[in-house]
Amino acid sequence: MKSKNHSTDRQMATLASLGIRKIHQSVEIELNPVYKGMLEKVLHLVKVEEIN
């Protein structure tokens, strides 16, 4: 994750709901339409990798 500085309150709330709290934190979530929509809103702040 990049820095949350200069992010909107809405983007910071989305990151928190995804479980992302700190820079360089890794979180594993099961992809469903809800999480996919959240990730699209903060894609410029996070790195997404698919694991099998």
C-alpha atoms as a PDB file:
ATOM      1  CA  MET A   1       0.000   0.000   0.000  1.00  0.00           C
ATOM      2  CA  LYS A   2       1.101   3.526  -0.708  1.00  0.00           C
ATOM      3  CA  SER A   3       0.641   6.317   1.806  1.00  0.00           C
ATOM      4  CA  LYS A   4      -2.886   7.314   2.807  1.00  0.00           C
ATOM      5  CA  ASN A   5      -1.846  10.973   2.918  1.00  0.00           C
ATOM      6  CA  HIS A   6      -3.920  13.110   0.553  1.00  0.00           C
ATOM      7  CA  SER A   7      -6.549  10.362   0.316  1.00  0.00           C
ATOM      8  CA  THR A   8     -10.188  11.153   0.861  1.00  0.00           C
ATOM      9  CA  ASP A   9     -12.008  10.041   4.004  1.00  0.00           C
ATOM     10  CA  ARG A  10     -13.988   7.657   1.849  1.00  0.00           C
ATOM     11  CA  GLN A  11     -10.829   6.001   0.492  1.00  0.00           C
ATOM     12  CA  MET A  12      -9.376   5.655   4.000  1.00  0.00           C
ATOM     13  CA  ALA A  13     -12.632   4.045   5.170  1.00  0.00           C
ATOM     14  CA  THR A  14     -12.487   1.616   2.245  1.00  0.00           C
ATOM     15  CA  LEU A  15      -8.908   0.647   3.119  1.00  0.00           C
ATOM     16  CA  ALA A  16      -9.911   0.091   6.744  1.00  0.00           C
ATOM     17  CA  SER A  17     -12.861  -2.095   5.728  1.00  0.00           C
ATOM     18  CA  LEU A  18     -10.487  -4.181   3.589  1.00  0.00           C
ATOM     19  CA  GLY A  19      -8.342  -4.671   6.702  1.00  0.00           C
ATOM     20  CA  ILE A  20      -5.457  -2.546   5.449  1.00  0.00           C
ATOM     21  CA  ARG A  21      -4.090  -0.380   8.236  1.00  0.00           C
ATOM     22  CA  LYS A  22      -0.361   0.210   7.567  1.00  0.00           C
ATOM     23  CA  ILE A  23       2.024   0.723   4.677  1.00  0.00           C
ATOM     24  CA  HIS A  24       3.484  -2.556   3.322  1.00  0.00           C
ATOM     25  CA  GLN A  25       0.794  -4.605   5.066  1.00  0.00           C
ATOM     26  CA  SER A  26      -0.415  -7.755   3.296  1.00  0.00           C
ATOM     27  CA  VAL A  27      -4.020  -8.881   3.504  1.00  0.00           C
ATOM     28  CA  GLU A  28      -5.611 -11.963   1.986  1.00  0.00           C
ATOM     29  CA  ILE A  29      -9.289 -11.732   1.127  1.00  0.00           C
ATOM     30  CA  GLU A  30     -11.590 -13.931  -0.898  1.00  0.00           C
ATOM     31  CA  LEU A  31     -12.563 -12.018  -4.025  1.00  0.00           C
ATOM     32  CA  ASN A  32     -16.278 -11.426  -4.421  1.00  0.00           C
ATOM     33  CA  PRO A  33     -18.153  -8.575  -6.127  1.00  0.00           C
ATOM     34  CA  VAL A  34     -18.192  -6.443  -2.958  1.00  0.00           C
ATOM     35  CA  TYR A  35     -14.435  -6.641  -2.373  1.00  0.00           C
ATOM     36  CA  LYS A  36     -13.755  -6.245  -6.094  1.00  0.00           C
ATOM     37  CA  GLY A  37     -15.659  -2.947  -6.094  1.00  0.00           C
ATOM     38  CA  MET A  38     -13.774  -1.757  -3.010  1.00  0.00           C
ATOM     39  CA  LEU A  39     -10.433  -2.616  -4.585  1.00  0.00           C
ATOM     40  CA  GLU A  40     -11.300  -0.735  -7.769  1.00  0.00           C
ATOM     41  CA  LYS A  41     -11.890   2.423  -5.715  1.00  0.00           C
ATOM     42  CA  VAL A  42      -8.442   2.296  -4.073  1.00  0.00           C
ATOM     43  CA  LEU A  43      -6.463   0.542  -6.800  1.00  0.00           C
ATOM     44  CA  HIS A  44      -4.088   3.502  -7.102  1.00  0.00           C
ATOM     45  CA  LEU A  45      -3.098   2.977  -3.442  1.00  0.00           C
ATOM     46  CA  VAL A  46      -2.692  -0.802  -3.314  1.00  0.00           C
ATOM     47  CA  LYS A  47      -0.977  -3.638  -5.164  1.00  0.00           C
ATOM     48  CA  VAL A  48      -3.204  -6.605  -5.925  1.00  0.00           C
ATOM     49  CA  GLU A  49      -1.863 -10.105  -6.541  1.00  0.00           C
ATOM     50  CA  GLU A  50      -3.843 -13.262  -7.172  1.00  0.00           C
ATOM     51  CA  ILE A  51      -2.640 -16.297  -5.248  1.00  0.00           C
ATOM     52  CA  ASN A  52      -3.669 -19.838  -6.059  1.00  0.00           C
END
